[in-house]
Amino acid sequence: MARRYFGTDGIRGLANGDKLTPELALKVGMAAGTKFVRGDHRNRVVIGKDTRRSGYMIEQALTAGFTAVGMDVYLLGPMPTPAVAMLTRSLRADLGVMISASHNPYDDNGIKLFRPDGYKLSDEIEAEIERLIDSDMTRHLARGRDIGRAHRDEEARTRYIEYAKRTLPRSVDLAGLRVVLDCANGAAYKVAPIALWELGAEVFTIGAEPDGFNINHKVGSTAPEAVAAKVKEVRADIGIALDGDADRVIIVDEKGHVVDGDQFMAVIAESWLERDMLMGGGIVATIMSNLGLERHLTNLGLTLERTQVGDRYVLETMRAKGFNVGGEQSGHIILSDFTTTGDGLVAALQLLGVLKQKGVAVSEICRRFEKVPQLLRSVKFKSGKPLEHKLVIQAIADGQAMLGAGGRLVVRASGTEPVIRVMGEADDAQLVEKVVAQVETAIREIA
């Protein structure tokens, strides 16, 4: 059954648009609170947010909903998504909430929910919450002393910084490293620079002056040109670009070249294999990861388990099959020894640890394999289901036949935007260009 509110990563949309309004946020608070109120203790929920102006509005509406059904609310303020997941566990909360639209522009926002163990909700639980949202919630209202309270948690930031630092061995510090850190004017603008500085790095920070409207604007992991330029300007050893809620990371080497999530995962896989830390006999990645990564891992005797797009699906496969490294080409890196979701800062610290251990340049460490020619295009559409049209279906079938067994064609609708992604890859770059163009043209004719 199609869901009305939840997508592939929580609820997301234009703030005060057709979906994401204070009224919906209030109902989400009441519904999710009702679902997770349990036992005879004071139930609690932690709420973090990124730096979008609309975060204040949604935060207050959620708080009203949660307190109305008897939950105490702990407000964390601007905090990375992985920090909310960690603090949900650390503070023994019954539920965690992150208000963010991740890498989207400032006028979007979203609501992500975490279980008491810090993992994102399953599709089944989200469906139950949707049913509650559309039901009469008045019978779940608390009365008198049972109504919840709201608190500001002033220590949450320090808790997360110390947690992130402890993911490195005590013997490792970052002294002598010149690091450019791009915080995307987002949720990590305070915690990430402090963590790196306290570990000994010389930190040059950009994208750390949020004004409510500049999150992800020409900075962050979706605009690595900014951190690349700064790396060359200050002659840094490495550039680290986080996204708006800091659950993904993109690396730039000392020459200003971008290192995507596929190369990043290869580095971690090899390092953990050498240290006898890698579990599952390989890693988990999505259908979008480059074929070159798969070939590289095969040469190492490792496997690449592929999932549909979305870090939640990567994590589900990791948990089900015993892997502890997974992620997405876009920079979601999940290291389940430390985190229950993608954590850009923790992943970056693991790479910095390898950098200190090896004593060589990032450009050498992070070039683990030659990428197979890959092309990704995005086609916007206003409404309908273009992928179900016979013209598009035929174009996809023709494209797959042209690429043959040695190539891949992935066409999918985004779960967070009205966009269709068309990705092709094969050893013949010109053939890939031709196939992707044909499918893109067919979609545009319909969309």
Protein backbone atom coordinates (compact mmCIF):
# COMPACT_ATOMS: atom_id res chain seq x y z
CA MET A 1 0.00 0.00 0.00
CA ALA A 2 1.31 3.45 -0.92
CA ARG A 3 2.24 5.62 2.02
CA ARG A 4 0.97 9.18 2.36
CA TYR A 5 3.67 10.73 4.51
CA PHE A 6 6.86 8.66 4.83
CA GLY A 7 9.35 8.30 1.99
CA THR A 8 12.66 6.47 1.84
CA ASP A 9 14.13 8.59 4.64
CA GLY A 10 11.36 9.79 6.90
CA ILE A 11 8.94 12.56 6.02
CA ARG A 12 10.31 15.25 3.73
CA GLY A 13 8.95 18.13 1.68
CA LEU A 14 8.62 21.87 1.27
CA ALA A 15 8.19 23.47 4.69
CA ASN A 16 4.59 24.76 4.84
CA GLY A 17 3.97 23.13 1.47
CA ASP A 18 1.40 20.48 0.62
CA LYS A 19 2.78 17.94 3.10
CA LEU A 20 5.10 19.27 5.78
CA THR A 21 3.17 21.72 7.95
CA PRO A 22 3.00 22.45 11.70
CA GLU A 23 -0.32 20.59 11.75
CA LEU A 24 1.30 17.44 10.36
CA ALA A 25 4.27 17.78 12.74
CA LEU A 26 1.85 18.01 15.67
CA LYS A 27 0.10 14.84 14.50
CA VAL A 28 3.42 13.05 13.96
CA GLY A 29 4.41 13.89 17.53
CA MET A 30 1.13 12.59 18.88
CA ALA A 31 1.14 9.47 16.71
CA ALA A 32 4.80 8.52 17.19
CA GLY A 33 4.53 9.33 20.89
CA THR A 34 1.48 7.09 21.23
CA LYS A 35 3.32 4.28 19.45
CA PHE A 36 6.39 4.50 21.69
CA VAL A 37 4.82 5.33 25.07
CA ARG A 38 5.47 2.20 27.09
CA GLY A 39 5.89 1.03 30.66
CA ASP A 40 5.22 3.03 33.81
CA HIS A 41 8.30 5.31 33.62
CA ARG A 42 8.37 8.89 32.35
CA ASN A 43 8.68 8.34 28.62
CA ARG A 44 11.13 10.61 26.85
CA VAL A 45 11.96 11.67 23.30
CA VAL A 46 15.06 13.54 22.11
CA ILE A 47 14.72 16.04 19.26
CA GLY A 48 17.61 17.42 17.23
CA LYS A 49 17.56 19.63 14.15
CA ASP A 50 19.75 21.20 11.50
CA THR A 51 19.97 24.93 10.88
CA ARG A 52 16.96 25.62 8.63
CA ARG A 53 14.72 28.48 9.72
CA SER A 54 11.68 26.20 9.53
CA GLY A 55 13.25 23.93 12.14
CA TYR A 56 12.00 26.16 14.94
CA MET A 57 8.41 25.83 13.71
CA ILE A 58 8.54 22.06 13.30
CA GLU A 59 10.38 21.56 16.58
CA GLN A 60 7.69 23.39 18.55
CA ALA A 61 4.85 21.54 16.79
CA LEU A 62 6.47 18.16 17.46
CA THR A 63 7.06 19.15 21.09
CA ALA A 64 3.38 19.99 21.50
CA GLY A 65 2.40 16.63 20.02
CA PHE A 66 4.75 14.58 22.17
CA THR A 67 3.94 16.35 25.43
CA ALA A 68 0.22 16.09 24.64
CA VAL A 69 0.41 12.28 24.75
CA GLY A 70 2.58 12.22 27.88
CA MET A 71 6.17 12.21 26.62
CA ASP A 72 8.92 14.37 28.11
CA VAL A 73 10.90 16.13 25.39
CA TYR A 74 14.65 16.78 25.45
CA LEU A 75 15.60 19.46 22.92
CA LEU A 76 19.16 19.08 21.61
CA GLY A 77 19.30 22.08 19.29
CA PRO A 78 21.43 21.91 16.10
CA MET A 79 22.90 18.41 16.09
CA PRO A 80 23.95 15.89 13.41
CA THR A 81 21.54 13.09 12.58
CA PRO A 82 23.97 10.42 13.85
CA ALA A 83 24.31 12.34 17.11
CA VAL A 84 20.56 12.12 17.61
CA ALA A 85 20.71 8.36 16.99
CA MET A 86 23.56 8.00 19.49
CA LEU A 87 21.93 10.21 22.12
CA THR A 88 18.65 8.32 21.82
CA ARG A 89 20.53 5.28 23.09
CA SER A 90 22.80 7.11 25.50
CA LEU A 91 19.97 8.97 27.22
CA ARG A 92 17.77 5.85 27.28
CA ALA A 93 15.07 7.68 25.37
CA ASP A 94 12.01 5.91 24.03
CA LEU A 95 12.26 7.69 20.68
CA GLY A 96 14.61 9.99 18.75
CA VAL A 97 13.69 12.65 16.19
CA MET A 98 15.82 14.56 13.71
CA ILE A 99 14.37 17.59 11.92
CA SER A 100 16.26 17.89 8.65
CA ALA A 101 16.03 17.60 4.87
CA SER A 102 19.65 16.47 4.69
CA HIS A 103 21.27 17.79 1.48
CA ASN A 104 18.13 19.53 0.16
CA PRO A 105 17.79 23.35 -0.11
CA TYR A 106 16.83 25.38 2.95
CA ASP A 107 13.13 25.69 2.09
CA ASP A 108 12.65 21.93 2.41
CA ASN A 109 12.61 20.15 5.73
CA GLY A 110 11.92 16.70 7.10
CA ILE A 111 11.30 14.48 10.11
CA LYS A 112 13.35 11.33 10.76
CA LEU A 113 12.47 8.97 13.61
CA PHE A 114 14.71 6.60 15.57
CA ARG A 115 13.84 3.66 17.78
CA PRO A 116 15.19 3.42 21.36
CA ASP A 117 18.19 1.45 20.07
CA GLY A 118 19.14 4.28 17.67
CA TYR A 119 18.04 2.55 14.46
CA LYS A 120 15.60 4.08 11.98
CA LEU A 121 12.04 2.82 12.01
CA SER A 122 10.98 -0.11 9.88
CA ASP A 123 8.46 0.28 7.08
CA GLU A 124 5.91 -1.55 9.24
CA ILE A 125 6.23 0.85 12.18
CA GLU A 126 6.07 3.86 9.86
CA ALA A 127 2.86 2.43 8.40
CA GLU A 128 1.41 2.10 11.92
CA ILE A 129 2.29 5.72 12.67
CA GLU A 130 0.62 6.79 9.43
CA ARG A 131 -2.56 5.01 10.48
CA LEU A 132 -2.47 6.80 13.82
CA ILE A 133 -1.92 10.18 12.12
CA ASP A 134 -5.11 9.68 10.13
CA SER A 135 -7.12 8.47 13.14
CA ASP A 136 -8.85 10.32 15.97
CA MET A 137 -5.94 11.05 18.33
CA THR A 138 -7.98 12.73 21.06
CA ARG A 139 -8.44 9.46 22.94
CA HIS A 140 -4.66 9.24 23.42
CA LEU A 141 -4.30 12.65 25.08
CA ALA A 142 -2.67 12.76 28.51
CA ARG A 143 -4.34 14.58 31.39
CA GLY A 144 -3.11 16.44 34.45
CA ARG A 145 0.22 15.24 35.78
CA ASP A 146 0.64 12.85 32.86
CA ILE A 147 1.18 15.69 30.35
CA GLY A 148 4.82 15.81 29.26
CA ARG A 149 7.45 18.49 29.88
CA ALA A 150 10.11 20.00 27.61
CA HIS A 151 13.78 20.50 28.52
CA ARG A 152 16.84 21.97 26.79
CA ASP A 153 19.79 19.57 26.98
CA GLU A 154 22.88 21.74 27.23
CA GLU A 155 25.34 18.83 27.51
CA ALA A 156 24.34 16.92 24.37
CA ARG A 157 26.95 18.58 22.17
CA THR A 158 29.81 17.59 24.50
CA ARG A 159 28.49 14.02 24.75
CA TYR A 160 28.60 13.58 20.98
CA ILE A 161 32.04 15.17 20.56
CA GLU A 162 33.55 12.81 23.13
CA TYR A 163 31.78 9.84 21.59
CA ALA A 164 33.14 10.66 18.11
CA LYS A 165 36.68 11.13 19.42
CA ARG A 166 36.58 7.75 21.17
CA THR A 167 36.07 5.95 17.84
CA LEU A 168 39.80 6.47 17.28
CA PRO A 169 42.32 4.48 19.34
CA ARG A 170 43.83 6.48 22.21
CA SER A 171 47.25 6.14 20.59
CA VAL A 172 46.10 8.05 17.47
CA ASP A 173 46.02 11.81 17.30
CA LEU A 174 45.75 14.15 14.33
CA ALA A 175 48.68 16.41 15.17
CA GLY A 176 50.44 17.69 12.07
CA LEU A 177 47.44 17.31 9.75
CA ARG A 178 46.06 20.37 7.99
CA VAL A 179 42.35 19.77 7.49
CA VAL A 180 39.77 21.83 5.64
CA LEU A 181 36.33 21.10 7.08
CA ASP A 182 33.15 22.14 5.25
CA CYS A 183 30.12 21.92 7.55
CA ALA A 184 27.57 22.89 4.84
CA ASN A 185 26.25 25.62 7.16
CA GLY A 186 24.41 22.74 8.74
CA ALA A 187 23.95 20.64 11.83
CA ALA A 188 27.64 19.89 12.51
CA TYR A 189 28.87 23.49 12.35
CA LYS A 190 29.80 23.47 16.04
CA VAL A 191 30.60 19.86 16.94
CA ALA A 192 32.77 18.78 13.98
CA PRO A 193 35.40 21.58 14.15
CA ILE A 194 35.75 21.11 17.91
CA ALA A 195 36.23 17.35 17.62
CA LEU A 196 38.97 17.67 15.00
CA TRP A 197 40.72 20.47 16.88
CA GLU A 198 40.66 18.55 20.17
CA LEU A 199 42.26 15.59 18.39
CA GLY A 200 45.17 17.82 17.36
CA ALA A 201 44.42 18.75 13.75
CA GLU A 202 44.95 22.21 12.34
CA VAL A 203 41.42 23.00 11.15
CA PHE A 204 40.35 25.45 8.45
CA THR A 205 36.57 25.66 8.60
CA ILE A 206 34.16 26.81 5.92
CA GLY A 207 30.38 26.52 5.78
CA ALA A 208 30.12 27.17 9.52
CA GLU A 209 28.08 30.38 9.57
CA PRO A 210 24.45 29.28 9.24
CA ASP A 211 21.79 31.96 8.90
CA GLY A 212 18.75 29.72 8.48
CA PHE A 213 18.80 29.97 4.70
CA ASN A 214 22.32 29.07 3.52
CA ILE A 215 22.42 25.37 4.46
CA ASN A 216 23.94 23.38 1.56
CA HIS A 217 24.15 26.55 -0.55
CA LYS A 218 27.35 26.26 -2.63
CA VAL A 219 28.98 24.34 0.24
CA GLY A 220 28.92 20.85 1.69
CA SER A 221 29.12 17.38 0.19
CA THR A 222 26.86 18.27 -2.74
CA ALA A 223 29.11 21.20 -3.71
CA PRO A 224 32.67 19.91 -3.11
CA GLU A 225 34.13 22.68 -5.28
CA ALA A 226 34.15 24.92 -2.20
CA VAL A 227 36.24 22.62 -0.04
CA ALA A 228 38.49 21.74 -3.01
CA ALA A 229 39.28 25.41 -3.58
CA LYS A 230 40.05 25.93 0.10
CA VAL A 231 42.31 22.86 0.21
CA LYS A 232 44.43 24.29 -2.60
CA GLU A 233 44.38 27.79 -1.08
CA VAL A 234 45.74 26.74 2.32
CA ARG A 235 47.71 23.73 1.03
CA ALA A 236 45.84 21.35 3.29
CA ASP A 237 46.43 17.61 3.53
CA ILE A 238 42.75 16.78 3.16
CA GLY A 239 39.32 18.31 2.72
CA ILE A 240 36.21 16.97 4.47
CA ALA A 241 32.76 18.04 3.27
CA LEU A 242 29.69 17.09 5.30
CA ASP A 243 26.09 17.56 4.24
CA GLY A 244 23.33 19.49 6.00
CA ASP A 245 22.68 16.90 8.70
CA ALA A 246 26.22 15.45 8.68
CA ASP A 247 25.25 11.85 7.99
CA ARG A 248 27.29 11.81 4.78
CA VAL A 249 30.80 12.88 3.86
CA ILE A 250 32.81 13.53 0.72
CA ILE A 251 36.62 13.71 0.82
CA VAL A 252 38.91 15.93 -1.26
CA ASP A 253 42.59 15.00 -1.58
CA GLU A 254 45.56 17.36 -1.28
CA LYS A 255 45.36 18.11 -5.01
CA GLY A 256 41.73 19.20 -4.82
CA HIS A 257 40.34 16.02 -6.40
CA VAL A 258 37.06 14.61 -5.09
CA VAL A 259 37.00 11.16 -3.50
CA ASP A 260 33.50 9.66 -3.54
CA GLY A 261 31.93 7.17 -1.17
CA ASP A 262 32.96 4.13 -3.25
CA GLN A 263 36.68 4.86 -2.91
CA PHE A 264 36.12 5.75 0.74
CA MET A 265 34.50 2.37 1.44
CA ALA A 266 37.34 0.59 -0.34
CA VAL A 267 39.88 2.31 1.94
CA ILE A 268 37.97 1.34 5.09
CA ALA A 269 37.43 -2.23 3.87
CA GLU A 270 41.14 -2.74 3.17
CA SER A 271 42.19 -1.11 6.44
CA TRP A 272 39.77 -3.14 8.53
CA LEU A 273 40.70 -6.31 6.64
CA GLU A 274 44.37 -5.72 7.52
CA ARG A 275 43.41 -5.18 11.17
CA ASP A 276 41.14 -8.25 11.23
CA MET A 277 38.15 -6.02 11.95
CA LEU A 278 36.12 -6.55 8.76
CA MET A 279 33.03 -8.71 9.22
CA GLY A 280 30.81 -10.45 6.71
CA GLY A 281 33.53 -11.11 4.15
CA GLY A 282 32.96 -7.82 2.35
CA ILE A 283 30.85 -4.68 2.42
CA VAL A 284 27.32 -3.56 1.58
CA ALA A 285 26.59 -0.85 -0.99
CA THR A 286 23.70 0.15 -3.24
CA ILE A 287 22.90 -0.47 -6.87
CA MET A 288 24.48 2.92 -7.62
CA SER A 289 28.00 1.98 -6.51
CA ASN A 290 30.56 1.71 -9.30
CA LEU A 291 31.33 -1.62 -10.93
CA GLY A 292 35.02 -0.86 -10.35
CA LEU A 293 34.46 -1.16 -6.60
CA GLU A 294 32.89 -4.57 -7.03
CA ARG A 295 35.80 -5.79 -9.20
CA HIS A 296 38.34 -4.41 -6.72
CA LEU A 297 36.73 -6.18 -3.78
CA THR A 298 36.56 -9.42 -5.75
CA ASN A 299 40.33 -9.22 -6.33
CA LEU A 300 40.75 -8.95 -2.56
CA GLY A 301 38.58 -11.99 -2.00
CA LEU A 302 35.73 -9.87 -0.69
CA THR A 303 32.11 -9.54 -1.73
CA LEU A 304 29.94 -6.54 -2.54
CA GLU A 305 26.35 -7.01 -1.40
CA ARG A 306 24.07 -4.59 -3.26
CA THR A 307 20.79 -3.09 -2.00
CA GLN A 308 18.26 -0.60 -3.27
CA VAL A 309 19.16 3.07 -2.80
CA GLY A 310 18.87 4.39 0.75
CA ASP A 311 21.16 4.07 3.74
CA ARG A 312 18.38 2.39 5.74
CA TYR A 313 18.38 -0.51 3.27
CA VAL A 314 22.16 -0.74 3.43
CA LEU A 315 21.96 -0.96 7.20
CA GLU A 316 19.17 -3.54 7.15
CA THR A 317 21.31 -5.80 4.96
CA MET A 318 24.37 -5.22 7.12
CA ARG A 319 22.46 -6.29 10.22
CA ALA A 320 20.78 -9.25 8.55
CA LYS A 321 23.97 -10.68 7.03
CA GLY A 322 26.64 -9.71 9.56
CA PHE A 323 28.54 -6.93 7.73
CA ASN A 324 30.04 -4.00 9.63
CA VAL A 325 31.00 -1.70 6.71
CA GLY A 326 28.52 -0.32 4.21
CA GLY A 327 27.43 2.83 2.50
CA GLU A 328 26.52 4.76 -0.60
CA GLN A 329 28.51 6.40 -3.37
CA SER A 330 26.99 9.71 -2.29
CA GLY A 331 28.91 9.56 0.99
CA HIS A 332 26.71 7.77 3.49
CA ILE A 333 29.26 5.59 5.26
CA ILE A 334 27.93 3.22 7.92
CA LEU A 335 30.42 1.68 10.33
CA SER A 336 28.24 -0.41 12.60
CA ASP A 337 31.00 -1.01 15.13
CA PHE A 338 30.41 2.61 16.11
CA THR A 339 27.11 3.89 14.72
CA THR A 340 23.55 2.90 13.84
CA THR A 341 23.36 5.22 10.84
CA GLY A 342 25.65 7.10 8.47
CA ASP A 343 28.00 9.39 10.38
CA GLY A 344 30.13 11.78 8.31
CA LEU A 345 32.39 12.84 11.18
CA VAL A 346 33.06 9.33 12.50
CA ALA A 347 33.75 8.04 8.98
CA ALA A 348 36.14 10.93 8.32
CA LEU A 349 37.98 10.19 11.56
CA GLN A 350 38.54 6.60 10.44
CA LEU A 351 40.10 7.83 7.22
CA LEU A 352 42.24 10.35 9.10
CA GLY A 353 43.44 7.49 11.31
CA VAL A 354 44.53 5.55 8.21
CA LEU A 355 46.23 8.68 6.90
CA LYS A 356 48.27 9.02 10.11
CA GLN A 357 49.09 5.32 10.16
CA LYS A 358 50.25 5.12 6.53
CA GLY A 359 52.01 8.47 6.43
CA VAL A 360 51.27 9.01 2.75
CA ALA A 361 49.14 11.47 0.81
CA VAL A 362 45.35 11.18 0.57
CA SER A 363 45.61 10.97 -3.23
CA GLU A 364 47.56 7.72 -2.81
CA ILE A 365 45.45 6.23 -0.03
CA CYS A 366 42.11 6.98 -1.67
CA ARG A 367 42.82 5.74 -5.18
CA ARG A 368 42.07 2.09 -4.60
CA PHE A 369 40.61 1.21 -8.02
CA GLU A 370 39.95 2.56 -11.48
CA LYS A 371 36.32 3.50 -11.87
CA VAL A 372 34.31 2.00 -14.69
CA PRO A 373 32.84 4.81 -16.85
CA GLN A 374 29.58 5.77 -15.15
CA LEU A 375 27.06 8.47 -15.99
CA LEU A 376 24.22 9.68 -13.78
CA ARG A 377 21.50 12.03 -15.00
CA SER A 378 18.46 13.39 -13.15
CA VAL A 379 15.15 14.16 -14.86
CA LYS A 380 12.56 16.24 -13.02
CA PHE A 381 8.86 15.52 -13.39
CA LYS A 382 5.78 17.26 -12.03
CA SER A 383 3.34 14.39 -11.54
CA GLY A 384 2.34 10.92 -12.64
CA LYS A 385 4.47 7.78 -13.00
CA PRO A 386 6.72 8.17 -16.05
CA LEU A 387 8.50 4.87 -15.36
CA GLU A 388 5.26 2.98 -16.00
CA HIS A 389 4.80 4.42 -19.51
CA LYS A 390 5.40 1.93 -22.33
CA LEU A 391 7.77 4.31 -24.17
CA VAL A 392 10.04 4.56 -21.12
CA ILE A 393 9.82 0.84 -20.40
CA GLN A 394 10.91 0.06 -23.95
CA ALA A 395 13.77 2.59 -23.82
CA ILE A 396 15.07 0.97 -20.63
CA ALA A 397 14.85 -2.51 -22.13
CA ASP A 398 16.70 -1.37 -25.27
CA GLY A 399 19.37 0.32 -23.16
CA GLN A 400 19.99 -2.77 -21.05
CA ALA A 401 20.33 -4.86 -24.20
CA MET A 402 22.86 -2.41 -25.67
CA LEU A 403 25.03 -2.48 -22.52
CA GLY A 404 24.95 -6.26 -22.36
CA ALA A 405 26.10 -8.46 -19.51
CA GLY A 406 29.21 -6.35 -18.86
CA GLY A 407 27.32 -3.14 -18.09
CA ARG A 408 24.55 -1.89 -15.83
CA LEU A 409 21.57 0.42 -16.29
CA VAL A 410 19.71 1.64 -13.22
CA VAL A 411 16.60 3.81 -13.59
CA ARG A 412 14.71 4.76 -10.46
CA ALA A 413 12.49 7.43 -8.97
CA SER A 414 14.05 9.39 -6.10
CA GLY A 415 12.42 8.79 -2.74
CA THR A 416 12.99 12.36 -1.58
CA GLU A 417 12.52 14.55 -4.69
CA PRO A 418 10.28 14.57 -7.83
CA VAL A 419 13.21 13.30 -9.87
CA ILE A 420 14.06 10.17 -11.85
CA ARG A 421 17.70 9.04 -11.74
CA VAL A 422 19.21 7.39 -14.80
CA MET A 423 22.56 5.69 -14.24
CA GLY A 424 24.52 3.71 -16.79
CA GLU A 425 27.97 2.15 -16.60
CA ALA A 426 30.16 -0.02 -18.79
CA ASP A 427 33.74 -0.14 -20.00
CA ASP A 428 32.74 1.75 -23.17
CA ALA A 429 32.13 5.38 -22.11
CA GLN A 430 30.61 6.40 -25.44
CA LEU A 431 28.11 3.56 -25.27
CA VAL A 432 27.14 4.59 -21.75
CA GLU A 433 26.57 8.18 -22.92
CA LYS A 434 24.37 6.98 -25.77
CA VAL A 435 22.25 4.66 -23.62
CA VAL A 436 21.70 7.18 -20.84
CA ALA A 437 20.79 9.89 -23.35
CA GLN A 438 18.20 7.65 -25.01
CA VAL A 439 16.52 6.78 -21.70
CA GLU A 440 16.68 10.38 -20.53
CA THR A 441 15.03 11.56 -23.75
CA ALA A 442 12.23 9.04 -23.40
CA ILE A 443 11.53 10.13 -19.83
CA ARG A 444 11.54 13.82 -20.75
CA GLU A 445 9.00 13.19 -23.52
CA ILE A 446 6.63 11.70 -20.94
CA ALA A 447 7.51 13.83 -17.91
